[in-house]
Amino acid sequence: TAGMITNAVKLVPLGQLDGQDILF
């Protein structure tokens, strides 16, 4: 999950906090 979210943050791109919110 963390790997997919990290990739999404880079590719979409998203903000780092967006990624953390998805993980939560």
PDBML (XML) file of the C-alpha atoms, coordinates in Angstrom:
<?xml version="1.0" encoding="UTF-8" ?>
<PDBx:datablock datablockName="MODEL"
   xmlns:PDBx="http://pdbml.pdb.org/schema/pdbx-v50.xsd"
   xmlns:xsi="http://www.w3.org/2001/XMLSchema-instance"
   xsi:schemaLocation="http://pdbml.pdb.org/schema/pdbx-v50.xsd pdbx-v50.xsd">
   <PDBx:atom_siteCategory>
      <PDBx:atom_site id="1">
         <PDBx:B_iso_or_equiv>0.00</PDBx:B_iso_or_equiv>
         <PDBx:Cartn_x>0.000</PDBx:Cartn_x>
         <PDBx:Cartn_y>0.000</PDBx:Cartn_y>
         <PDBx:Cartn_z>0.000</PDBx:Cartn_z>
         <PDBx:auth_asym_id>A</PDBx:auth_asym_id>
         <PDBx:auth_atom_id>CA</PDBx:auth_atom_id>
         <PDBx:auth_comp_id>THR</PDBx:auth_comp_id>
         <PDBx:auth_seq_id>1</PDBx:auth_seq_id>
         <PDBx:group_PDB>ATOM</PDBx:group_PDB>
         <PDBx:label_alt_id xsi:nil="true" />
         <PDBx:label_asym_id>A</PDBx:label_asym_id>
         <PDBx:label_atom_id>CA</PDBx:label_atom_id>
         <PDBx:label_comp_id>THR</PDBx:label_comp_id>
         <PDBx:label_entity_id>1</PDBx:label_entity_id>
         <PDBx:label_seq_id>1</PDBx:label_seq_id>
         <PDBx:occupancy>1.00</PDBx:occupancy>
         <PDBx:pdbx_PDB_model_num>1</PDBx:pdbx_PDB_model_num>
         <PDBx:type_symbol>C</PDBx:type_symbol>
      </PDBx:atom_site>
      <PDBx:atom_site id="2">
         <PDBx:B_iso_or_equiv>0.00</PDBx:B_iso_or_equiv>
         <PDBx:Cartn_x>2.738</PDBx:Cartn_x>
         <PDBx:Cartn_y>2.448</PDBx:Cartn_y>
         <PDBx:Cartn_z>0.944</PDBx:Cartn_z>
         <PDBx:auth_asym_id>A</PDBx:auth_asym_id>
         <PDBx:auth_atom_id>CA</PDBx:auth_atom_id>
         <PDBx:auth_comp_id>ALA</PDBx:auth_comp_id>
         <PDBx:auth_seq_id>2</PDBx:auth_seq_id>
         <PDBx:group_PDB>ATOM</PDBx:group_PDB>
         <PDBx:label_alt_id xsi:nil="true" />
         <PDBx:label_asym_id>A</PDBx:label_asym_id>
         <PDBx:label_atom_id>CA</PDBx:label_atom_id>
         <PDBx:label_comp_id>ALA</PDBx:label_comp_id>
         <PDBx:label_entity_id>1</PDBx:label_entity_id>
         <PDBx:label_seq_id>2</PDBx:label_seq_id>
         <PDBx:occupancy>1.00</PDBx:occupancy>
         <PDBx:pdbx_PDB_model_num>1</PDBx:pdbx_PDB_model_num>
         <PDBx:type_symbol>C</PDBx:type_symbol>
      </PDBx:atom_site>
      <PDBx:atom_site id="3">
         <PDBx:B_iso_or_equiv>0.00</PDBx:B_iso_or_equiv>
         <PDBx:Cartn_x>4.526</PDBx:Cartn_x>
         <PDBx:Cartn_y>1.739</PDBx:Cartn_y>
         <PDBx:Cartn_z>-2.337</PDBx:Cartn_z>
         <PDBx:auth_asym_id>A</PDBx:auth_asym_id>
         <PDBx:auth_atom_id>CA</PDBx:auth_atom_id>
         <PDBx:auth_comp_id>GLY</PDBx:auth_comp_id>
         <PDBx:auth_seq_id>3</PDBx:auth_seq_id>
         <PDBx:group_PDB>ATOM</PDBx:group_PDB>
         <PDBx:label_alt_id xsi:nil="true" />
         <PDBx:label_asym_id>A</PDBx:label_asym_id>
         <PDBx:label_atom_id>CA</PDBx:label_atom_id>
         <PDBx:label_comp_id>GLY</PDBx:label_comp_id>
         <PDBx:label_entity_id>1</PDBx:label_entity_id>
         <PDBx:label_seq_id>3</PDBx:label_seq_id>
         <PDBx:occupancy>1.00</PDBx:occupancy>
         <PDBx:pdbx_PDB_model_num>1</PDBx:pdbx_PDB_model_num>
         <PDBx:type_symbol>C</PDBx:type_symbol>
      </PDBx:atom_site>
      <PDBx:atom_site id="4">
         <PDBx:B_iso_or_equiv>0.00</PDBx:B_iso_or_equiv>
         <PDBx:Cartn_x>1.406</PDBx:Cartn_x>
         <PDBx:Cartn_y>2.303</PDBx:Cartn_y>
         <PDBx:Cartn_z>-4.435</PDBx:Cartn_z>
         <PDBx:auth_asym_id>A</PDBx:auth_asym_id>
         <PDBx:auth_atom_id>CA</PDBx:auth_atom_id>
         <PDBx:auth_comp_id>MET</PDBx:auth_comp_id>
         <PDBx:auth_seq_id>4</PDBx:auth_seq_id>
         <PDBx:group_PDB>ATOM</PDBx:group_PDB>
         <PDBx:label_alt_id xsi:nil="true" />
         <PDBx:label_asym_id>A</PDBx:label_asym_id>
         <PDBx:label_atom_id>CA</PDBx:label_atom_id>
         <PDBx:label_comp_id>MET</PDBx:label_comp_id>
         <PDBx:label_entity_id>1</PDBx:label_entity_id>
         <PDBx:label_seq_id>4</PDBx:label_seq_id>
         <PDBx:occupancy>1.00</PDBx:occupancy>
         <PDBx:pdbx_PDB_model_num>1</PDBx:pdbx_PDB_model_num>
         <PDBx:type_symbol>C</PDBx:type_symbol>
      </PDBx:atom_site>
      <PDBx:atom_site id="5">
         <PDBx:B_iso_or_equiv>0.00</PDBx:B_iso_or_equiv>
         <PDBx:Cartn_x>0.639</PDBx:Cartn_x>
         <PDBx:Cartn_y>5.541</PDBx:Cartn_y>
         <PDBx:Cartn_z>-2.601</PDBx:Cartn_z>
         <PDBx:auth_asym_id>A</PDBx:auth_asym_id>
         <PDBx:auth_atom_id>CA</PDBx:auth_atom_id>
         <PDBx:auth_comp_id>ILE</PDBx:auth_comp_id>
         <PDBx:auth_seq_id>5</PDBx:auth_seq_id>
         <PDBx:group_PDB>ATOM</PDBx:group_PDB>
         <PDBx:label_alt_id xsi:nil="true" />
         <PDBx:label_asym_id>A</PDBx:label_asym_id>
         <PDBx:label_atom_id>CA</PDBx:label_atom_id>
         <PDBx:label_comp_id>ILE</PDBx:label_comp_id>
         <PDBx:label_entity_id>1</PDBx:label_entity_id>
         <PDBx:label_seq_id>5</PDBx:label_seq_id>
         <PDBx:occupancy>1.00</PDBx:occupancy>
         <PDBx:pdbx_PDB_model_num>1</PDBx:pdbx_PDB_model_num>
         <PDBx:type_symbol>C</PDBx:type_symbol>
      </PDBx:atom_site>
      <PDBx:atom_site id="6">
         <PDBx:B_iso_or_equiv>0.00</PDBx:B_iso_or_equiv>
         <PDBx:Cartn_x>4.206</PDBx:Cartn_x>
         <PDBx:Cartn_y>6.807</PDBx:Cartn_y>
         <PDBx:Cartn_z>-3.059</PDBx:Cartn_z>
         <PDBx:auth_asym_id>A</PDBx:auth_asym_id>
         <PDBx:auth_atom_id>CA</PDBx:auth_atom_id>
         <PDBx:auth_comp_id>THR</PDBx:auth_comp_id>
         <PDBx:auth_seq_id>6</PDBx:auth_seq_id>
         <PDBx:group_PDB>ATOM</PDBx:group_PDB>
         <PDBx:label_alt_id xsi:nil="true" />
         <PDBx:label_asym_id>A</PDBx:label_asym_id>
         <PDBx:label_atom_id>CA</PDBx:label_atom_id>
         <PDBx:label_comp_id>THR</PDBx:label_comp_id>
         <PDBx:label_entity_id>1</PDBx:label_entity_id>
         <PDBx:label_seq_id>6</PDBx:label_seq_id>
         <PDBx:occupancy>1.00</PDBx:occupancy>
         <PDBx:pdbx_PDB_model_num>1</PDBx:pdbx_PDB_model_num>
         <PDBx:type_symbol>C</PDBx:type_symbol>
      </PDBx:atom_site>
      <PDBx:atom_site id="7">
         <PDBx:B_iso_or_equiv>0.00</PDBx:B_iso_or_equiv>
         <PDBx:Cartn_x>3.916</PDBx:Cartn_x>
         <PDBx:Cartn_y>6.122</PDBx:Cartn_y>
         <PDBx:Cartn_z>-6.787</PDBx:Cartn_z>
         <PDBx:auth_asym_id>A</PDBx:auth_asym_id>
         <PDBx:auth_atom_id>CA</PDBx:auth_atom_id>
         <PDBx:auth_comp_id>ASN</PDBx:auth_comp_id>
         <PDBx:auth_seq_id>7</PDBx:auth_seq_id>
         <PDBx:group_PDB>ATOM</PDBx:group_PDB>
         <PDBx:label_alt_id xsi:nil="true" />
         <PDBx:label_asym_id>A</PDBx:label_asym_id>
         <PDBx:label_atom_id>CA</PDBx:label_atom_id>
         <PDBx:label_comp_id>ASN</PDBx:label_comp_id>
         <PDBx:label_entity_id>1</PDBx:label_entity_id>
         <PDBx:label_seq_id>7</PDBx:label_seq_id>
         <PDBx:occupancy>1.00</PDBx:occupancy>
         <PDBx:pdbx_PDB_model_num>1</PDBx:pdbx_PDB_model_num>
         <PDBx:type_symbol>C</PDBx:type_symbol>
      </PDBx:atom_site>
      <PDBx:atom_site id="8">
         <PDBx:B_iso_or_equiv>0.00</PDBx:B_iso_or_equiv>
         <PDBx:Cartn_x>0.546</PDBx:Cartn_x>
         <PDBx:Cartn_y>7.886</PDBx:Cartn_y>
         <PDBx:Cartn_z>-6.964</PDBx:Cartn_z>
         <PDBx:auth_asym_id>A</PDBx:auth_asym_id>
         <PDBx:auth_atom_id>CA</PDBx:auth_atom_id>
         <PDBx:auth_comp_id>ALA</PDBx:auth_comp_id>
         <PDBx:auth_seq_id>8</PDBx:auth_seq_id>
         <PDBx:group_PDB>ATOM</PDBx:group_PDB>
         <PDBx:label_alt_id xsi:nil="true" />
         <PDBx:label_asym_id>A</PDBx:label_asym_id>
         <PDBx:label_atom_id>CA</PDBx:label_atom_id>
         <PDBx:label_comp_id>ALA</PDBx:label_comp_id>
         <PDBx:label_entity_id>1</PDBx:label_entity_id>
         <PDBx:label_seq_id>8</PDBx:label_seq_id>
         <PDBx:occupancy>1.00</PDBx:occupancy>
         <PDBx:pdbx_PDB_model_num>1</PDBx:pdbx_PDB_model_num>
         <PDBx:type_symbol>C</PDBx:type_symbol>
      </PDBx:atom_site>
      <PDBx:atom_site id="9">
         <PDBx:B_iso_or_equiv>0.00</PDBx:B_iso_or_equiv>
         <PDBx:Cartn_x>1.958</PDBx:Cartn_x>
         <PDBx:Cartn_y>10.958</PDBx:Cartn_y>
         <PDBx:Cartn_z>-5.200</PDBx:Cartn_z>
         <PDBx:auth_asym_id>A</PDBx:auth_asym_id>
         <PDBx:auth_atom_id>CA</PDBx:auth_atom_id>
         <PDBx:auth_comp_id>VAL</PDBx:auth_comp_id>
         <PDBx:auth_seq_id>9</PDBx:auth_seq_id>
         <PDBx:group_PDB>ATOM</PDBx:group_PDB>
         <PDBx:label_alt_id xsi:nil="true" />
         <PDBx:label_asym_id>A</PDBx:label_asym_id>
         <PDBx:label_atom_id>CA</PDBx:label_atom_id>
         <PDBx:label_comp_id>VAL</PDBx:label_comp_id>
         <PDBx:label_entity_id>1</PDBx:label_entity_id>
         <PDBx:label_seq_id>9</PDBx:label_seq_id>
         <PDBx:occupancy>1.00</PDBx:occupancy>
         <PDBx:pdbx_PDB_model_num>1</PDBx:pdbx_PDB_model_num>
         <PDBx:type_symbol>C</PDBx:type_symbol>
      </PDBx:atom_site>
      <PDBx:atom_site id="10">
         <PDBx:B_iso_or_equiv>0.00</PDBx:B_iso_or_equiv>
         <PDBx:Cartn_x>4.657</PDBx:Cartn_x>
         <PDBx:Cartn_y>11.193</PDBx:Cartn_y>
         <PDBx:Cartn_z>-7.864</PDBx:Cartn_z>
         <PDBx:auth_asym_id>A</PDBx:auth_asym_id>
         <PDBx:auth_atom_id>CA</PDBx:auth_atom_id>
         <PDBx:auth_comp_id>LYS</PDBx:auth_comp_id>
         <PDBx:auth_seq_id>10</PDBx:auth_seq_id>
         <PDBx:group_PDB>ATOM</PDBx:group_PDB>
         <PDBx:label_alt_id xsi:nil="true" />
         <PDBx:label_asym_id>A</PDBx:label_asym_id>
         <PDBx:label_atom_id>CA</PDBx:label_atom_id>
         <PDBx:label_comp_id>LYS</PDBx:label_comp_id>
         <PDBx:label_entity_id>1</PDBx:label_entity_id>
         <PDBx:label_seq_id>10</PDBx:label_seq_id>
         <PDBx:occupancy>1.00</PDBx:occupancy>
         <PDBx:pdbx_PDB_model_num>1</PDBx:pdbx_PDB_model_num>
         <PDBx:type_symbol>C</PDBx:type_symbol>
      </PDBx:atom_site>
      <PDBx:atom_site id="11">
         <PDBx:B_iso_or_equiv>0.00</PDBx:B_iso_or_equiv>
         <PDBx:Cartn_x>2.567</PDBx:Cartn_x>
         <PDBx:Cartn_y>10.286</PDBx:Cartn_y>
         <PDBx:Cartn_z>-10.906</PDBx:Cartn_z>
         <PDBx:auth_asym_id>A</PDBx:auth_asym_id>
         <PDBx:auth_atom_id>CA</PDBx:auth_atom_id>
         <PDBx:auth_comp_id>LEU</PDBx:auth_comp_id>
         <PDBx:auth_seq_id>11</PDBx:auth_seq_id>
         <PDBx:group_PDB>ATOM</PDBx:group_PDB>
         <PDBx:label_alt_id xsi:nil="true" />
         <PDBx:label_asym_id>A</PDBx:label_asym_id>
         <PDBx:label_atom_id>CA</PDBx:label_atom_id>
         <PDBx:label_comp_id>LEU</PDBx:label_comp_id>
         <PDBx:label_entity_id>1</PDBx:label_entity_id>
         <PDBx:label_seq_id>11</PDBx:label_seq_id>
         <PDBx:occupancy>1.00</PDBx:occupancy>
         <PDBx:pdbx_PDB_model_num>1</PDBx:pdbx_PDB_model_num>
         <PDBx:type_symbol>C</PDBx:type_symbol>
      </PDBx:atom_site>
      <PDBx:atom_site id="12">
         <PDBx:B_iso_or_equiv>0.00</PDBx:B_iso_or_equiv>
         <PDBx:Cartn_x>-0.797</PDBx:Cartn_x>
         <PDBx:Cartn_y>12.042</PDBx:Cartn_y>
         <PDBx:Cartn_z>-10.449</PDBx:Cartn_z>
         <PDBx:auth_asym_id>A</PDBx:auth_asym_id>
         <PDBx:auth_atom_id>CA</PDBx:auth_atom_id>
         <PDBx:auth_comp_id>VAL</PDBx:auth_comp_id>
         <PDBx:auth_seq_id>12</PDBx:auth_seq_id>
         <PDBx:group_PDB>ATOM</PDBx:group_PDB>
         <PDBx:label_alt_id xsi:nil="true" />
         <PDBx:label_asym_id>A</PDBx:label_asym_id>
         <PDBx:label_atom_id>CA</PDBx:label_atom_id>
         <PDBx:label_comp_id>VAL</PDBx:label_comp_id>
         <PDBx:label_entity_id>1</PDBx:label_entity_id>
         <PDBx:label_seq_id>12</PDBx:label_seq_id>
         <PDBx:occupancy>1.00</PDBx:occupancy>
         <PDBx:pdbx_PDB_model_num>1</PDBx:pdbx_PDB_model_num>
         <PDBx:type_symbol>C</PDBx:type_symbol>
      </PDBx:atom_site>
      <PDBx:atom_site id="13">
         <PDBx:B_iso_or_equiv>0.00</PDBx:B_iso_or_equiv>
         <PDBx:Cartn_x>0.764</PDBx:Cartn_x>
         <PDBx:Cartn_y>14.126</PDBx:Cartn_y>
         <PDBx:Cartn_z>-8.789</PDBx:Cartn_z>
         <PDBx:auth_asym_id>A</PDBx:auth_asym_id>
         <PDBx:auth_atom_id>CA</PDBx:auth_atom_id>
         <PDBx:auth_comp_id>PRO</PDBx:auth_comp_id>
         <PDBx:auth_seq_id>13</PDBx:auth_seq_id>
         <PDBx:group_PDB>ATOM</PDBx:group_PDB>
         <PDBx:label_alt_id xsi:nil="true" />
         <PDBx:label_asym_id>A</PDBx:label_asym_id>
         <PDBx:label_atom_id>CA</PDBx:label_atom_id>
         <PDBx:label_comp_id>PRO</PDBx:label_comp_id>
         <PDBx:label_entity_id>1</PDBx:label_entity_id>
         <PDBx:label_seq_id>13</PDBx:label_seq_id>
         <PDBx:occupancy>1.00</PDBx:occupancy>
         <PDBx:pdbx_PDB_model_num>1</PDBx:pdbx_PDB_model_num>
         <PDBx:type_symbol>C</PDBx:type_symbol>
      </PDBx:atom_site>
      <PDBx:atom_site id="14">
         <PDBx:B_iso_or_equiv>0.00</PDBx:B_iso_or_equiv>
         <PDBx:Cartn_x>-0.585</PDBx:Cartn_x>
         <PDBx:Cartn_y>14.510</PDBx:Cartn_y>
         <PDBx:Cartn_z>-5.260</PDBx:Cartn_z>
         <PDBx:auth_asym_id>A</PDBx:auth_asym_id>
         <PDBx:auth_atom_id>CA</PDBx:auth_atom_id>
         <PDBx:auth_comp_id>LEU</PDBx:auth_comp_id>
         <PDBx:auth_seq_id>14</PDBx:auth_seq_id>
         <PDBx:group_PDB>ATOM</PDBx:group_PDB>
         <PDBx:label_alt_id xsi:nil="true" />
         <PDBx:label_asym_id>A</PDBx:label_asym_id>
         <PDBx:label_atom_id>CA</PDBx:label_atom_id>
         <PDBx:label_comp_id>LEU</PDBx:label_comp_id>
         <PDBx:label_entity_id>1</PDBx:label_entity_id>
         <PDBx:label_seq_id>14</PDBx:label_seq_id>
         <PDBx:occupancy>1.00</PDBx:occupancy>
         <PDBx:pdbx_PDB_model_num>1</PDBx:pdbx_PDB_model_num>
         <PDBx:type_symbol>C</PDBx:type_symbol>
      </PDBx:atom_site>
      <PDBx:atom_site id="15">
         <PDBx:B_iso_or_equiv>0.00</PDBx:B_iso_or_equiv>
         <PDBx:Cartn_x>0.621</PDBx:Cartn_x>
         <PDBx:Cartn_y>16.375</PDBx:Cartn_y>
         <PDBx:Cartn_z>-2.204</PDBx:Cartn_z>
         <PDBx:auth_asym_id>A</PDBx:auth_asym_id>
         <PDBx:auth_atom_id>CA</PDBx:auth_atom_id>
         <PDBx:auth_comp_id>GLY</PDBx:auth_comp_id>
         <PDBx:auth_seq_id>15</PDBx:auth_seq_id>
         <PDBx:group_PDB>ATOM</PDBx:group_PDB>
         <PDBx:label_alt_id xsi:nil="true" />
         <PDBx:label_asym_id>A</PDBx:label_asym_id>
         <PDBx:label_atom_id>CA</PDBx:label_atom_id>
         <PDBx:label_comp_id>GLY</PDBx:label_comp_id>
         <PDBx:label_entity_id>1</PDBx:label_entity_id>
         <PDBx:label_seq_id>15</PDBx:label_seq_id>
         <PDBx:occupancy>1.00</PDBx:occupancy>
         <PDBx:pdbx_PDB_model_num>1</PDBx:pdbx_PDB_model_num>
         <PDBx:type_symbol>C</PDBx:type_symbol>
      </PDBx:atom_site>
      <PDBx:atom_site id="16">
         <PDBx:B_iso_or_equiv>0.00</PDBx:B_iso_or_equiv>
         <PDBx:Cartn_x>2.572</PDBx:Cartn_x>
         <PDBx:Cartn_y>14.431</PDBx:Cartn_y>
         <PDBx:Cartn_z>0.398</PDBx:Cartn_z>
         <PDBx:auth_asym_id>A</PDBx:auth_asym_id>
         <PDBx:auth_atom_id>CA</PDBx:auth_atom_id>
         <PDBx:auth_comp_id>GLN</PDBx:auth_comp_id>
         <PDBx:auth_seq_id>16</PDBx:auth_seq_id>
         <PDBx:group_PDB>ATOM</PDBx:group_PDB>
         <PDBx:label_alt_id xsi:nil="true" />
         <PDBx:label_asym_id>A</PDBx:label_asym_id>
         <PDBx:label_atom_id>CA</PDBx:label_atom_id>
         <PDBx:label_comp_id>GLN</PDBx:label_comp_id>
         <PDBx:label_entity_id>1</PDBx:label_entity_id>
         <PDBx:label_seq_id>16</PDBx:label_seq_id>
         <PDBx:occupancy>1.00</PDBx:occupancy>
         <PDBx:pdbx_PDB_model_num>1</PDBx:pdbx_PDB_model_num>
         <PDBx:type_symbol>C</PDBx:type_symbol>
      </PDBx:atom_site>
      <PDBx:atom_site id="17">
         <PDBx:B_iso_or_equiv>0.00</PDBx:B_iso_or_equiv>
         <PDBx:Cartn_x>-0.200</PDBx:Cartn_x>
         <PDBx:Cartn_y>14.989</PDBx:Cartn_y>
         <PDBx:Cartn_z>2.950</PDBx:Cartn_z>
         <PDBx:auth_asym_id>A</PDBx:auth_asym_id>
         <PDBx:auth_atom_id>CA</PDBx:auth_atom_id>
         <PDBx:auth_comp_id>LEU</PDBx:auth_comp_id>
         <PDBx:auth_seq_id>17</PDBx:auth_seq_id>
         <PDBx:group_PDB>ATOM</PDBx:group_PDB>
         <PDBx:label_alt_id xsi:nil="true" />
         <PDBx:label_asym_id>A</PDBx:label_asym_id>
         <PDBx:label_atom_id>CA</PDBx:label_atom_id>
         <PDBx:label_comp_id>LEU</PDBx:label_comp_id>
         <PDBx:label_entity_id>1</PDBx:label_entity_id>
         <PDBx:label_seq_id>17</PDBx:label_seq_id>
         <PDBx:occupancy>1.00</PDBx:occupancy>
         <PDBx:pdbx_PDB_model_num>1</PDBx:pdbx_PDB_model_num>
         <PDBx:type_symbol>C</PDBx:type_symbol>
      </PDBx:atom_site>
      <PDBx:atom_site id="18">
         <PDBx:B_iso_or_equiv>0.00</PDBx:B_iso_or_equiv>
         <PDBx:Cartn_x>-2.753</PDBx:Cartn_x>
         <PDBx:Cartn_y>13.662</PDBx:Cartn_y>
         <PDBx:Cartn_z>0.452</PDBx:Cartn_z>
         <PDBx:auth_asym_id>A</PDBx:auth_asym_id>
         <PDBx:auth_atom_id>CA</PDBx:auth_atom_id>
         <PDBx:auth_comp_id>ASP</PDBx:auth_comp_id>
         <PDBx:auth_seq_id>18</PDBx:auth_seq_id>
         <PDBx:group_PDB>ATOM</PDBx:group_PDB>
         <PDBx:label_alt_id xsi:nil="true" />
         <PDBx:label_asym_id>A</PDBx:label_asym_id>
         <PDBx:label_atom_id>CA</PDBx:label_atom_id>
         <PDBx:label_comp_id>ASP</PDBx:label_comp_id>
         <PDBx:label_entity_id>1</PDBx:label_entity_id>
         <PDBx:label_seq_id>18</PDBx:label_seq_id>
         <PDBx:occupancy>1.00</PDBx:occupancy>
         <PDBx:pdbx_PDB_model_num>1</PDBx:pdbx_PDB_model_num>
         <PDBx:type_symbol>C</PDBx:type_symbol>
      </PDBx:atom_site>
      <PDBx:atom_site id="19">
         <PDBx:B_iso_or_equiv>0.00</PDBx:B_iso_or_equiv>
         <PDBx:Cartn_x>-0.733</PDBx:Cartn_x>
         <PDBx:Cartn_y>10.470</PDBx:Cartn_y>
         <PDBx:Cartn_z>0.347</PDBx:Cartn_z>
         <PDBx:auth_asym_id>A</PDBx:auth_asym_id>
         <PDBx:auth_atom_id>CA</PDBx:auth_atom_id>
         <PDBx:auth_comp_id>GLY</PDBx:auth_comp_id>
         <PDBx:auth_seq_id>19</PDBx:auth_seq_id>
         <PDBx:group_PDB>ATOM</PDBx:group_PDB>
         <PDBx:label_alt_id xsi:nil="true" />
         <PDBx:label_asym_id>A</PDBx:label_asym_id>
         <PDBx:label_atom_id>CA</PDBx:label_atom_id>
         <PDBx:label_comp_id>GLY</PDBx:label_comp_id>
         <PDBx:label_entity_id>1</PDBx:label_entity_id>
         <PDBx:label_seq_id>19</PDBx:label_seq_id>
         <PDBx:occupancy>1.00</PDBx:occupancy>
         <PDBx:pdbx_PDB_model_num>1</PDBx:pdbx_PDB_model_num>
         <PDBx:type_symbol>C</PDBx:type_symbol>
      </PDBx:atom_site>
      <PDBx:atom_site id="20">
         <PDBx:B_iso_or_equiv>0.00</PDBx:B_iso_or_equiv>
         <PDBx:Cartn_x>-0.681</PDBx:Cartn_x>
         <PDBx:Cartn_y>10.216</PDBx:Cartn_y>
         <PDBx:Cartn_z>4.126</PDBx:Cartn_z>
         <PDBx:auth_asym_id>A</PDBx:auth_asym_id>
         <PDBx:auth_atom_id>CA</PDBx:auth_atom_id>
         <PDBx:auth_comp_id>GLN</PDBx:auth_comp_id>
         <PDBx:auth_seq_id>20</PDBx:auth_seq_id>
         <PDBx:group_PDB>ATOM</PDBx:group_PDB>
         <PDBx:label_alt_id xsi:nil="true" />
         <PDBx:label_asym_id>A</PDBx:label_asym_id>
         <PDBx:label_atom_id>CA</PDBx:label_atom_id>
         <PDBx:label_comp_id>GLN</PDBx:label_comp_id>
         <PDBx:label_entity_id>1</PDBx:label_entity_id>
         <PDBx:label_seq_id>20</PDBx:label_seq_id>
         <PDBx:occupancy>1.00</PDBx:occupancy>
         <PDBx:pdbx_PDB_model_num>1</PDBx:pdbx_PDB_model_num>
         <PDBx:type_symbol>C</PDBx:type_symbol>
      </PDBx:atom_site>
      <PDBx:atom_site id="21">
         <PDBx:B_iso_or_equiv>0.00</PDBx:B_iso_or_equiv>
         <PDBx:Cartn_x>-4.429</PDBx:Cartn_x>
         <PDBx:Cartn_y>10.768</PDBx:Cartn_y>
         <PDBx:Cartn_z>4.298</PDBx:Cartn_z>
         <PDBx:auth_asym_id>A</PDBx:auth_asym_id>
         <PDBx:auth_atom_id>CA</PDBx:auth_atom_id>
         <PDBx:auth_comp_id>ASP</PDBx:auth_comp_id>
         <PDBx:auth_seq_id>21</PDBx:auth_seq_id>
         <PDBx:group_PDB>ATOM</PDBx:group_PDB>
         <PDBx:label_alt_id xsi:nil="true" />
         <PDBx:label_asym_id>A</PDBx:label_asym_id>
         <PDBx:label_atom_id>CA</PDBx:label_atom_id>
         <PDBx:label_comp_id>ASP</PDBx:label_comp_id>
         <PDBx:label_entity_id>1</PDBx:label_entity_id>
         <PDBx:label_seq_id>21</PDBx:label_seq_id>
         <PDBx:occupancy>1.00</PDBx:occupancy>
         <PDBx:pdbx_PDB_model_num>1</PDBx:pdbx_PDB_model_num>
         <PDBx:type_symbol>C</PDBx:type_symbol>
      </PDBx:atom_site>
      <PDBx:atom_site id="22">
         <PDBx:B_iso_or_equiv>0.00</PDBx:B_iso_or_equiv>
         <PDBx:Cartn_x>-4.955</PDBx:Cartn_x>
         <PDBx:Cartn_y>7.893</PDBx:Cartn_y>
         <PDBx:Cartn_z>1.851</PDBx:Cartn_z>
         <PDBx:auth_asym_id>A</PDBx:auth_asym_id>
         <PDBx:auth_atom_id>CA</PDBx:auth_atom_id>
         <PDBx:auth_comp_id>ILE</PDBx:auth_comp_id>
         <PDBx:auth_seq_id>22</PDBx:auth_seq_id>
         <PDBx:group_PDB>ATOM</PDBx:group_PDB>
         <PDBx:label_alt_id xsi:nil="true" />
         <PDBx:label_asym_id>A</PDBx:label_asym_id>
         <PDBx:label_atom_id>CA</PDBx:label_atom_id>
         <PDBx:label_comp_id>ILE</PDBx:label_comp_id>
         <PDBx:label_entity_id>1</PDBx:label_entity_id>
         <PDBx:label_seq_id>22</PDBx:label_seq_id>
         <PDBx:occupancy>1.00</PDBx:occupancy>
         <PDBx:pdbx_PDB_model_num>1</PDBx:pdbx_PDB_model_num>
         <PDBx:type_symbol>C</PDBx:type_symbol>
      </PDBx:atom_site>
      <PDBx:atom_site id="23">
         <PDBx:B_iso_or_equiv>0.00</PDBx:B_iso_or_equiv>
         <PDBx:Cartn_x>-2.720</PDBx:Cartn_x>
         <PDBx:Cartn_y>5.668</PDBx:Cartn_y>
         <PDBx:Cartn_z>3.974</PDBx:Cartn_z>
         <PDBx:auth_asym_id>A</PDBx:auth_asym_id>
         <PDBx:auth_atom_id>CA</PDBx:auth_atom_id>
         <PDBx:auth_comp_id>LEU</PDBx:auth_comp_id>
         <PDBx:auth_seq_id>23</PDBx:auth_seq_id>
         <PDBx:group_PDB>ATOM</PDBx:group_PDB>
         <PDBx:label_alt_id xsi:nil="true" />
         <PDBx:label_asym_id>A</PDBx:label_asym_id>
         <PDBx:label_atom_id>CA</PDBx:label_atom_id>
         <PDBx:label_comp_id>LEU</PDBx:label_comp_id>
         <PDBx:label_entity_id>1</PDBx:label_entity_id>
         <PDBx:label_seq_id>23</PDBx:label_seq_id>
         <PDBx:occupancy>1.00</PDBx:occupancy>
         <PDBx:pdbx_PDB_model_num>1</PDBx:pdbx_PDB_model_num>
         <PDBx:type_symbol>C</PDBx:type_symbol>
      </PDBx:atom_site>
      <PDBx:atom_site id="24">
         <PDBx:B_iso_or_equiv>0.00</PDBx:B_iso_or_equiv>
         <PDBx:Cartn_x>-4.650</PDBx:Cartn_x>
         <PDBx:Cartn_y>6.563</PDBx:Cartn_y>
         <PDBx:Cartn_z>7.148</PDBx:Cartn_z>
         <PDBx:auth_asym_id>A</PDBx:auth_asym_id>
         <PDBx:auth_atom_id>CA</PDBx:auth_atom_id>
         <PDBx:auth_comp_id>PHE</PDBx:auth_comp_id>
         <PDBx:auth_seq_id>24</PDBx:auth_seq_id>
         <PDBx:group_PDB>ATOM</PDBx:group_PDB>
         <PDBx:label_alt_id xsi:nil="true" />
         <PDBx:label_asym_id>A</PDBx:label_asym_id>
         <PDBx:label_atom_id>CA</PDBx:label_atom_id>
         <PDBx:label_comp_id>PHE</PDBx:label_comp_id>
         <PDBx:label_entity_id>1</PDBx:label_entity_id>
         <PDBx:label_seq_id>24</PDBx:label_seq_id>
         <PDBx:occupancy>1.00</PDBx:occupancy>
         <PDBx:pdbx_PDB_model_num>1</PDBx:pdbx_PDB_model_num>
         <PDBx:type_symbol>C</PDBx:type_symbol>
      </PDBx:atom_site>
   </PDBx:atom_siteCategory>
</PDBx:datablock>
